[in-house]
Protein backbone atom coordinates (compact mmCIF):
# COMPACT_ATOMS: atom_id res chain seq x y z
CA UNK A 1 6.77 -11.91 4.41
CA UNK A 2 4.91 -9.99 5.86
CA UNK A 3 0.87 -8.98 5.41
CA UNK A 4 -1.41 -7.09 6.68
CA UNK A 5 -5.04 -8.58 7.47
CA UNK A 6 -7.62 -6.06 8.86
CA UNK A 7 -5.84 -4.98 12.11
CA UNK A 8 -3.03 -6.93 12.65
CA UNK A 9 0.51 -8.11 11.11
CA UNK A 10 0.98 -11.62 9.83
CA UNK A 11 4.37 -13.42 9.25
CA UNK A 12 4.59 -15.99 6.89
CA UNK A 13 7.19 -18.14 6.18
CA UNK A 14 9.18 -18.65 3.55
CA UNK A 15 10.13 -22.28 2.68
CA UNK A 16 10.37 -22.90 -1.70
CA UNK A 17 11.86 -20.33 -4.31
CA UNK A 18 8.70 -20.88 -6.27
CA UNK A 19 7.47 -18.99 -3.58
CA UNK A 20 9.25 -15.42 -3.14
CA UNK A 21 8.30 -12.91 -5.82
CA UNK A 22 9.87 -10.06 -6.75
CA UNK A 23 8.54 -7.17 -5.17
CA UNK A 24 7.47 -5.31 -8.17
CA UNK A 25 5.04 -7.71 -8.58
CA UNK A 26 3.15 -6.68 -5.70
CA UNK A 27 2.90 -3.03 -6.35
CA UNK A 28 -0.50 -1.32 -6.84
CA UNK A 29 -1.11 -0.66 -10.23
CA UNK A 30 -0.40 2.91 -11.35
CA UNK A 31 -3.05 5.42 -11.31
CA UNK A 32 -3.13 8.97 -12.45
CA UNK A 33 -4.29 11.96 -10.66
CA UNK A 34 -5.66 15.29 -11.73
CA UNK A 35 -3.87 18.71 -9.41
CA UNK A 36 -7.52 19.01 -8.50
CA UNK A 37 -7.52 15.74 -6.66
CA UNK A 38 -4.08 16.12 -5.09
CA UNK A 39 -5.11 19.73 -3.41
CA UNK A 40 -8.41 17.65 -2.40
CA UNK A 41 -6.89 15.32 -0.45
CA UNK A 42 -3.73 17.44 0.78
CA UNK A 43 -7.21 19.81 2.01
CA UNK A 44 -8.79 16.62 3.35
CA UNK A 45 -5.44 15.51 5.21
CA UNK A 46 -5.32 19.12 6.49
CA UNK A 47 -8.81 19.87 8.00
CA UNK A 48 -8.14 16.22 9.77
CA UNK A 49 -5.04 17.37 11.97
CA UNK A 50 -5.47 17.34 15.52
C-alpha cells in the first residue's frame, strides 16, 4: 500500500488478510458544491497558471 506522509510516498508491506481493506473505505466523504463554488475554484486555478 502506498501512503503520502508529508512530502514523501511511503510503501507499506501488507502481510495479513485483515490488513487489506476495500478501496471504497478509503474515499473521502462526499461533499456538495454550489455552481458558484466550482466557478470560484476554476477561476482561482486559472489565475495561478504560469
